[in-house]
Amino acid sequence: MPQHSMPLQDLPSLSLQAKRTHKRKARGGLSDGPDMECTPTELVQQRAPLLQHQRLSSKGKENEQRFVLARRSRRKREALSSDLSWDHLPDELILRILFYIPLQDLLRMSTVCHRWRRLAFDESLWHSVDLEGLTHMGPALQQVLKTGVRMLRCPRSFIEELLVTGPLQITVMDLSSSIIPLSSLESIICHCRQLEYLSLEGLQLSDAIASSLSQNTNLLQLNLSGCSGVSAPALAVLLQSCCRIEQLNIAWCDFSNDHVKSVVGCVSSRVTHLNLSGYRENLTLDDVKLLVSRCPRIQTLDLSDSTLLMADSLPVLRQLKDLMHLSLSRCYHIHLAALTDLDKSLPVLSLLDVFGIVSGSHLSSLKKEMPRVSINSRPFSSIARPTPASRPTGCFLWNRKCRLRFQQ
C-alpha cells in the first residue's frame, strides 16, 4: 500500500518510536541495535543493508581481525609487573646501569642483597679508581685491590698495614707522597707484573721493591723523584730490565755518584724524557757524555742543580738533535755568553729553563737573542708525573680520567 494511503493511526506510532530511539542514542544510554526492546521491524530491515554494506567494504583490507580493548585482571597485572622488576633484568643490563653510579652510591647498593653485592664489585666497574682524600685508606684499598683494578690513584694518602695475597692487574698507579709502611708497599709492588705507568714520588723504597719492579718489563713511565733506600746495584738491575722506559724522573733522590753512574749507564736507550736534576756534585761531565752517547733520542732533559757542569757541557748536549726542552737551572758555572748560541746549535729547541743563572736585564737580552725559544716558562718539571702542574685539579692519571672517584 502506498505510504500516503496508510491509516493515519499507524504513522504517528512509527515516528514516535524513531524519535524515542534517537533520543536514547543521543543520551549515550542505549544503542539502536536489533537487541533493543521496542525496536520496530521496519528499522531492523532498514539497518540490515547498511551493516551488510560495511562488512562487504571491510573485505580486502590488511587487518581483517577486530580488536577489543579490555581491562586486564588484577592477577595478570601483578604477573606483568613482577616480570619488569630488577630481579628479572639480566646482569649485563644492570652492570650497564651501575656504570653511571658514583662510588659512594655503588658501595651502598652493594649492601642490598647478595646479587647486588656481586654485581657492585664486578671487575668491569672497577677499572679505574681514585681514592684521594679517603681518611681510612687501608680497608678501602684492600677491597679495591681485590676487584681487579687497572688504574689506581691515591696520592698523599695514609695507608695502614695491608697484605696482598693474589696477583694484581694494575697497569697505572700513583702513590706519590703517601705515608705507607714499607712492608705494605712491598706487598703491593711484588704482586704487580703489568705496570706501565708508575709514580712512587717521595716514598721510602728497598732493594726488594726495585727487584719486583724489574719484572714489569712493559714499564713506560717511572717517577721515583725524591725516593730513597735503593742501592746502586739494585737500581742498575731495575733500569736494565725495564728497557722500554720512555720517561724517567729520578730527580732529588738520596743517591750517590754510584747511583748516578747506574742511571746514565743502564737507562733505556729509548728514553725521550729524563730528569736528573738535584745531584749537585754527583753529576759530572763524563756522565753527561755517556748519557748523550747512549740515549740520542732525548727530547726533554733536566740537569738542574748540577753545580759541576760548566760551559764545556753545552757542545756535548748539542749532539741531541731532537732536544726540545733543556733545563739548566742553578747550574751556576754556565754563563750567559755560552747560552746565546743554543738556538742555532739545537735546531728544534723551543724551551729553555735557566732559573738562577740569568735574570733581570740579562734575561731580556737573552730573549732577544733567542726569539724562537721560550725561556723560563716551565718552573716545574712534568716528566713522568701523573698529574702535571698544568692540570692540578681532577682525577687524572697521565691524561686518563678515573671513573670511580671518592668525593668528600
Protein backbone atom coordinates (compact mmCIF):
# COMPACT_ATOMS: atom_id res chain seq x y z
CA MET A 1 0.00 0.00 0.00
CA PRO A 2 1.41 3.42 -0.76
CA GLN A 3 2.56 5.46 2.14
CA HIS A 4 0.04 8.23 1.50
CA SER A 5 -2.82 5.71 1.66
CA MET A 6 -1.79 4.23 5.06
CA PRO A 7 -4.14 4.67 8.00
CA LEU A 8 -3.41 7.82 9.92
CA GLN A 9 -3.18 5.97 13.25
CA ASP A 10 -0.12 4.00 12.01
CA LEU A 11 2.03 6.98 11.07
CA PRO A 12 2.42 8.64 14.50
CA SER A 13 3.41 5.37 16.17
CA LEU A 14 6.26 4.84 13.70
CA SER A 15 7.60 8.37 14.01
CA LEU A 16 7.20 8.30 17.80
CA GLN A 17 9.22 5.10 18.11
CA ALA A 18 12.01 6.54 15.88
CA LYS A 19 12.17 9.74 17.93
CA ARG A 20 12.44 7.78 21.18
CA THR A 21 15.23 5.66 19.72
CA HIS A 22 17.23 8.71 18.58
CA LYS A 23 16.86 10.37 21.99
CA ARG A 24 18.22 7.30 23.78
CA LYS A 25 21.17 7.18 21.40
CA ALA A 26 21.96 10.84 21.95
CA ARG A 27 21.91 10.38 25.71
CA GLY A 28 24.52 7.60 25.43
CA GLY A 29 22.46 5.19 27.42
CA LEU A 30 21.38 2.54 24.88
CA SER A 31 22.28 1.72 21.32
CA ASP A 32 19.84 1.32 18.44
CA GLY A 33 20.84 -2.24 17.57
CA PRO A 34 18.45 -5.13 17.00
CA ASP A 35 18.85 -6.29 20.61
CA MET A 36 16.97 -3.31 21.99
CA GLU A 37 13.44 -3.59 23.18
CA CYS A 38 10.65 -1.79 21.31
CA THR A 39 12.65 -1.74 18.07
CA PRO A 40 10.31 -1.54 15.06
CA THR A 41 10.66 -4.22 12.45
CA GLU A 42 10.95 -1.58 9.76
CA LEU A 43 14.06 -0.09 11.42
CA VAL A 44 15.68 -3.50 11.58
CA GLN A 45 15.04 -4.04 7.91
CA GLN A 46 16.32 -0.58 7.01
CA ARG A 47 19.56 -1.05 9.06
CA ALA A 48 20.39 -4.52 7.74
CA PRO A 49 21.59 -3.36 4.29
CA LEU A 50 23.84 -0.76 5.94
CA LEU A 51 25.53 -3.32 8.18
CA GLN A 52 25.92 -5.68 5.29
CA HIS A 53 27.48 -2.92 3.21
CA GLN A 54 30.02 -2.19 5.97
CA ARG A 55 31.02 -5.85 6.18
CA LEU A 56 31.50 -6.04 2.44
CA SER A 57 33.55 -2.84 2.35
CA SER A 58 35.87 -4.12 5.08
CA LYS A 59 36.88 -7.10 2.96
CA GLY A 60 40.17 -6.78 1.18
CA LYS A 61 41.83 -4.74 3.92
CA GLU A 62 45.09 -5.91 5.51
CA ASN A 63 43.76 -6.09 9.06
CA GLU A 64 40.62 -8.19 8.92
CA GLN A 65 40.61 -9.05 12.63
CA ARG A 66 38.58 -7.00 15.04
CA PHE A 67 40.37 -5.76 18.20
CA VAL A 68 38.71 -5.29 21.53
CA LEU A 69 40.05 -3.11 24.38
CA ALA A 70 39.52 -4.76 27.73
CA ARG A 71 40.79 -4.32 31.25
CA ARG A 72 43.30 -6.89 32.46
CA SER A 73 42.56 -8.81 35.56
CA ARG A 74 44.49 -7.98 38.73
CA ARG A 75 46.30 -11.31 38.65
CA LYS A 76 47.61 -10.66 35.14
CA ARG A 77 48.71 -7.13 36.08
CA GLU A 78 50.66 -8.44 39.07
CA ALA A 79 52.34 -11.09 36.93
CA LEU A 80 53.33 -8.47 34.34
CA SER A 81 54.72 -6.09 36.96
CA SER A 82 56.81 -8.86 38.52
CA ASP A 83 58.38 -9.59 35.13
CA LEU A 84 59.65 -5.98 34.96
CA SER A 85 61.33 -5.99 38.37
CA TRP A 86 65.10 -5.72 38.95
CA ASP A 87 65.25 -9.43 39.75
CA HIS A 88 64.28 -10.31 36.20
CA LEU A 89 66.82 -7.99 34.49
CA PRO A 90 69.96 -9.67 33.13
CA ASP A 91 73.33 -8.97 34.73
CA GLU A 92 74.61 -7.20 31.62
CA LEU A 93 71.84 -4.61 31.77
CA ILE A 94 72.27 -3.97 35.50
CA LEU A 95 76.04 -3.58 35.06
CA ARG A 96 75.40 -1.04 32.34
CA ILE A 97 73.22 0.95 34.75
CA LEU A 98 75.72 0.66 37.60
CA PHE A 99 78.42 2.01 35.30
CA TYR A 100 76.98 5.53 35.74
CA ILE A 101 76.64 5.41 39.54
CA PRO A 102 79.17 7.25 41.77
CA LEU A 103 81.49 5.37 44.09
CA GLN A 104 79.64 6.08 47.35
CA ASP A 105 76.27 5.05 45.88
CA LEU A 106 77.79 1.92 44.41
CA LEU A 107 79.05 0.89 47.84
CA ARG A 108 75.61 1.50 49.36
CA MET A 109 73.96 -0.63 46.69
CA SER A 110 76.33 -3.49 47.47
CA THR A 111 74.59 -3.93 50.84
CA VAL A 112 71.13 -4.59 49.36
CA CYS A 113 71.47 -8.30 48.62
CA HIS A 114 73.98 -10.94 47.59
CA ARG A 115 73.35 -10.47 43.90
CA TRP A 116 73.76 -6.70 44.01
CA ARG A 117 76.95 -7.09 46.02
CA ARG A 118 78.34 -9.44 43.38
CA LEU A 119 77.41 -7.00 40.60
CA ALA A 120 78.58 -3.91 42.51
CA PHE A 121 82.08 -5.36 42.81
CA ASP A 122 82.22 -6.66 39.26
CA GLU A 123 85.62 -6.18 37.66
CA SER A 124 84.21 -4.12 34.78
CA LEU A 125 83.06 -1.36 37.17
CA TRP A 126 86.37 -1.01 39.00
CA HIS A 127 88.67 -0.46 36.06
CA SER A 128 89.87 2.94 37.31
CA VAL A 129 89.56 4.23 40.89
CA ASP A 130 90.59 7.47 42.58
CA LEU A 131 90.76 7.27 46.39
CA GLU A 132 92.43 10.61 47.06
CA GLY A 133 91.05 12.21 50.22
CA LEU A 134 89.93 9.00 51.87
CA THR A 135 90.91 9.01 55.57
CA HIS A 136 90.96 5.28 56.36
CA MET A 137 92.74 4.07 53.25
CA GLY A 138 93.81 0.62 54.45
CA PRO A 139 90.47 -1.30 54.39
CA ALA A 140 89.26 0.52 51.29
CA LEU A 141 92.47 -0.12 49.37
CA GLN A 142 92.41 -3.77 50.45
CA GLN A 143 88.92 -4.14 48.97
CA VAL A 144 89.74 -2.22 45.79
CA LEU A 145 92.78 -4.37 45.08
CA LYS A 146 90.53 -7.45 45.14
CA THR A 147 88.29 -6.07 42.36
CA GLY A 148 90.97 -6.32 39.67
CA VAL A 149 91.50 -2.57 39.36
CA ARG A 150 93.67 -1.47 36.43
CA MET A 151 94.16 2.24 37.21
CA LEU A 152 94.66 3.25 40.85
CA ARG A 153 95.15 6.79 42.10
CA CYS A 154 95.65 7.53 45.80
CA PRO A 155 98.37 10.21 46.21
CA ARG A 156 99.06 11.94 49.51
CA SER A 157 97.28 9.19 51.42
CA PHE A 158 97.79 7.49 54.76
CA ILE A 159 97.76 3.77 54.18
CA GLU A 160 97.70 1.33 57.08
CA GLU A 161 99.15 -2.15 57.14
CA LEU A 162 97.77 -4.40 54.43
CA LEU A 163 98.64 -7.75 52.93
CA VAL A 164 98.07 -8.59 49.28
CA THR A 165 97.59 -12.29 48.60
CA GLY A 166 96.86 -12.62 44.89
CA PRO A 167 98.31 -11.22 41.66
CA LEU A 168 97.28 -7.68 40.72
CA GLN A 169 96.27 -6.42 37.28
CA ILE A 170 97.29 -2.81 37.84
CA THR A 171 98.84 -1.08 34.82
CA VAL A 172 98.67 2.55 36.03
CA MET A 173 99.29 3.53 39.67
CA ASP A 174 100.03 6.72 41.57
CA LEU A 175 101.12 6.52 45.22
CA SER A 176 103.01 9.81 45.25
CA SER A 177 103.80 11.41 48.61
CA SER A 178 101.81 8.81 50.52
CA ILE A 179 102.52 7.56 54.02
CA ILE A 180 102.68 3.80 53.67
CA PRO A 181 104.60 1.14 55.61
CA LEU A 182 107.50 -0.35 53.71
CA SER A 183 106.07 -3.85 54.15
CA SER A 184 102.73 -2.79 52.66
CA LEU A 185 104.42 -1.17 49.66
CA GLU A 186 106.49 -4.28 49.10
CA SER A 187 103.34 -6.40 49.30
CA ILE A 188 101.69 -4.31 46.59
CA ILE A 189 104.63 -3.99 44.21
CA CYS A 190 105.70 -7.63 44.43
CA HIS A 191 102.27 -8.71 43.10
CA CYS A 192 102.41 -6.35 40.10
CA ARG A 193 103.65 -7.65 36.76
CA GLN A 194 101.79 -5.46 34.27
CA LEU A 195 102.78 -1.93 35.32
CA GLU A 196 103.16 0.59 32.52
CA TYR A 197 102.89 3.91 34.38
CA LEU A 198 104.06 4.22 37.98
CA SER A 199 104.71 7.10 40.38
CA LEU A 200 106.28 6.47 43.78
CA GLU A 201 107.46 10.02 44.31
CA GLY A 202 108.80 10.75 47.78
CA LEU A 203 108.47 7.20 49.13
CA GLN A 204 110.88 5.04 51.06
CA LEU A 205 111.91 2.11 48.84
CA SER A 206 114.03 -1.00 49.21
CA ASP A 207 116.04 -3.37 47.06
CA ALA A 208 113.15 -5.84 47.23
CA ILE A 209 110.84 -3.23 45.69
CA ALA A 210 113.41 -2.47 42.98
CA SER A 211 113.72 -6.19 42.26
CA SER A 212 109.92 -6.53 41.95
CA LEU A 213 109.73 -3.50 39.68
CA SER A 214 112.35 -5.04 37.39
CA GLN A 215 109.81 -7.75 36.49
CA ASN A 216 107.47 -5.17 34.95
CA THR A 217 109.14 -5.19 31.56
CA ASN A 218 106.35 -3.14 29.94
CA LEU A 219 107.08 -0.12 32.10
CA LEU A 220 106.95 3.07 30.01
CA GLN A 221 106.98 5.90 32.56
CA LEU A 222 108.54 5.77 36.02
CA ASN A 223 108.61 8.55 38.59
CA LEU A 224 110.99 7.95 41.50
CA SER A 225 111.61 11.58 42.31
CA GLY A 226 112.67 12.11 45.91
CA CYS A 227 112.89 8.39 46.73
CA SER A 228 115.49 6.71 48.89
CA GLY A 229 116.53 3.30 50.21
CA VAL A 230 117.63 1.67 46.94
CA SER A 231 121.21 0.58 46.40
CA ALA A 232 123.11 1.38 43.21
CA PRO A 233 123.30 -2.28 42.00
CA ALA A 234 119.54 -2.78 42.54
CA LEU A 235 118.85 0.43 40.60
CA ALA A 236 121.05 -0.78 37.75
CA VAL A 237 119.17 -4.11 37.56
CA LEU A 238 115.86 -2.25 37.54
CA LEU A 239 116.83 0.04 34.64
CA GLN A 240 118.41 -2.78 32.63
CA SER A 241 115.30 -4.96 32.92
CA CYS A 242 112.82 -2.18 32.11
CA CYS A 243 114.29 -1.50 28.70
CA ARG A 244 111.14 0.15 27.31
CA ILE A 245 111.12 3.18 29.60
CA GLU A 246 110.45 6.37 27.68
CA GLN A 247 110.13 8.81 30.59
CA LEU A 248 112.17 8.61 33.78
CA ASN A 249 112.09 11.07 36.67
CA ILE A 250 114.78 10.25 39.18
CA ALA A 251 115.46 13.76 40.47
CA TRP A 252 116.48 14.72 44.00
CA CYS A 253 116.80 11.15 45.25
CA ASP A 254 119.11 10.17 48.09
CA PHE A 255 121.67 8.98 45.57
CA SER A 256 125.45 8.96 45.46
CA ASN A 257 127.73 9.22 42.45
CA ASP A 258 127.45 5.43 42.06
CA HIS A 259 123.68 5.77 41.70
CA VAL A 260 124.11 8.45 39.04
CA LYS A 261 126.52 6.23 37.12
CA SER A 262 124.00 3.39 37.32
CA VAL A 263 121.38 5.65 35.80
CA VAL A 264 123.42 7.04 32.89
CA GLY A 265 124.94 3.63 32.18
CA CYS A 266 121.80 1.48 32.37
CA VAL A 267 118.86 3.67 31.42
CA SER A 268 116.99 2.54 28.30
CA SER A 269 118.25 3.92 25.02
CA ARG A 270 114.61 4.58 24.13
CA VAL A 271 114.24 7.25 26.80
CA THR A 272 112.96 10.56 25.45
CA HIS A 273 112.27 12.46 28.70
CA LEU A 274 114.79 12.34 31.55
CA ASN A 275 115.00 14.29 34.80
CA LEU A 276 118.40 14.06 36.50
CA SER A 277 118.22 17.27 38.49
CA GLY A 278 119.42 17.81 42.04
CA TYR A 279 122.69 15.90 42.02
CA ARG A 280 124.91 18.91 42.59
CA GLU A 281 128.42 17.37 42.87
CA ASN A 282 127.46 13.84 41.80
CA LEU A 283 126.78 14.54 38.12
CA THR A 284 129.94 15.12 36.10
CA LEU A 285 130.78 15.95 32.50
CA ASP A 286 131.73 12.32 31.84
CA ASP A 287 128.28 11.26 32.99
CA VAL A 288 126.70 13.66 30.51
CA LYS A 289 128.90 12.34 27.69
CA LEU A 290 127.93 8.74 28.45
CA LEU A 291 124.27 9.66 28.66
CA VAL A 292 124.25 11.51 25.34
CA SER A 293 126.04 8.68 23.54
CA ARG A 294 123.64 6.04 24.87
CA CYS A 295 120.38 7.96 24.58
CA PRO A 296 120.40 10.01 21.36
CA ARG A 297 116.56 10.27 21.26
CA ILE A 298 116.24 12.54 24.28
CA GLN A 299 113.73 15.35 23.71
CA THR A 300 113.42 16.71 27.26
CA LEU A 301 116.41 16.81 29.60
CA ASP A 302 116.56 18.33 33.07
CA LEU A 303 120.07 18.72 34.57
CA SER A 304 119.19 21.47 37.01
CA ASP A 305 121.18 21.97 40.23
CA SER A 306 124.26 20.24 38.85
CA THR A 307 126.96 22.57 40.09
CA LEU A 308 129.82 20.70 38.40
CA LEU A 309 128.53 21.36 34.89
CA MET A 310 130.24 24.18 33.02
CA ALA A 311 130.16 25.68 29.56
CA ASP A 312 132.07 22.70 28.14
CA SER A 313 128.95 20.55 28.65
CA LEU A 314 126.98 22.53 26.04
CA PRO A 315 128.89 21.18 23.00
CA VAL A 316 128.10 17.69 24.29
CA LEU A 317 124.40 18.50 24.59
CA ARG A 318 124.38 19.81 21.02
CA GLN A 319 124.63 16.22 19.83
CA LEU A 320 120.99 15.73 20.85
CA LYS A 321 119.37 16.78 17.60
CA ASP A 322 115.84 16.07 18.91
CA LEU A 323 116.25 18.11 22.09
CA MET A 324 113.28 20.46 22.50
CA HIS A 325 113.34 21.26 26.24
CA LEU A 326 116.54 21.82 28.21
CA SER A 327 116.69 22.74 31.91
CA LEU A 328 119.96 24.07 33.33
CA SER A 329 118.55 26.00 36.27
CA ARG A 330 121.02 26.82 39.07
CA CYS A 331 123.97 25.44 37.15
CA TYR A 332 125.91 28.46 38.26
CA HIS A 333 129.12 27.75 36.33
CA ILE A 334 127.34 28.15 32.97
CA HIS A 335 127.49 31.80 31.91
CA LEU A 336 125.17 33.85 29.76
CA ALA A 337 127.57 34.07 26.82
CA ALA A 338 127.57 30.28 26.45
CA LEU A 339 123.79 30.14 26.11
CA THR A 340 123.29 32.58 23.24
CA ASP A 341 124.15 30.05 20.50
CA LEU A 342 121.91 27.25 21.72
CA ASP A 343 119.05 28.14 19.39
CA LYS A 344 121.42 27.74 16.43
CA SER A 345 123.19 24.59 17.59
CA LEU A 346 119.93 22.91 18.68
CA PRO A 347 117.59 23.32 15.71
CA VAL A 348 114.37 22.14 17.43
CA LEU A 349 114.96 23.71 20.86
CA SER A 350 111.80 25.54 21.96
CA LEU A 351 112.01 25.62 25.79
CA LEU A 352 114.95 26.65 27.94
CA ASP A 353 114.96 26.93 31.73
CA VAL A 354 117.84 28.87 33.28
CA PHE A 355 116.39 29.92 36.63
CA GLY A 356 119.07 31.28 38.94
CA ILE A 357 121.58 31.82 36.13
CA VAL A 358 120.01 34.62 34.16
CA SER A 359 117.64 37.26 35.49
CA GLY A 360 116.64 40.89 35.10
CA SER A 361 118.08 42.78 32.13
CA HIS A 362 120.27 39.82 31.13
CA LEU A 363 117.17 37.69 30.76
CA SER A 364 115.59 40.29 28.48
CA SER A 365 118.69 40.42 26.29
CA LEU A 366 118.80 36.61 26.11
CA LYS A 367 115.19 36.51 24.94
CA LYS A 368 116.04 38.97 22.19
CA GLU A 369 118.99 36.85 21.11
CA MET A 370 116.80 33.72 21.03
CA PRO A 371 113.37 34.86 19.80
CA ARG A 372 112.03 31.42 18.90
CA VAL A 373 112.88 29.87 22.29
CA SER A 374 110.60 30.26 25.31
CA ILE A 375 112.83 30.97 28.32
CA ASN A 376 111.89 30.26 31.95
CA SER A 377 108.28 29.40 31.16
CA ARG A 378 108.25 25.97 32.89
CA PRO A 379 109.27 26.26 36.56
CA PHE A 380 108.07 22.72 37.34
CA SER A 381 109.02 19.51 35.61
CA SER A 382 106.26 17.29 34.24
CA ILE A 383 108.47 14.34 33.28
CA ALA A 384 106.76 11.04 34.18
CA ARG A 385 104.44 12.81 36.60
CA PRO A 386 100.83 11.58 36.62
CA THR A 387 99.26 14.99 37.16
CA PRO A 388 101.42 17.84 35.81
CA ALA A 389 101.30 21.33 37.26
CA SER A 390 99.31 22.48 34.24
CA ARG A 391 96.38 20.31 35.44
CA PRO A 392 96.35 20.46 39.23
CA THR A 393 92.70 19.50 39.63
CA GLY A 394 90.74 16.48 38.55
CA CYS A 395 91.33 12.77 38.95
CA PHE A 396 93.68 12.29 36.01
CA LEU A 397 96.44 9.74 35.61
CA TRP A 398 98.72 10.55 32.70
CA ASN A 399 95.83 12.28 30.88
CA ARG A 400 93.45 9.42 31.70
CA LYS A 401 90.45 10.10 33.89
CA CYS A 402 89.46 7.74 36.66
CA ARG A 403 85.80 6.71 36.53
CA LEU A 404 85.20 5.91 40.20
CA ARG A 405 86.23 8.76 42.43
CA PHE A 406 85.87 9.23 46.16
CA GLN A 407 84.21 12.58 46.88
CA GLN A 408 84.18 14.10 50.32
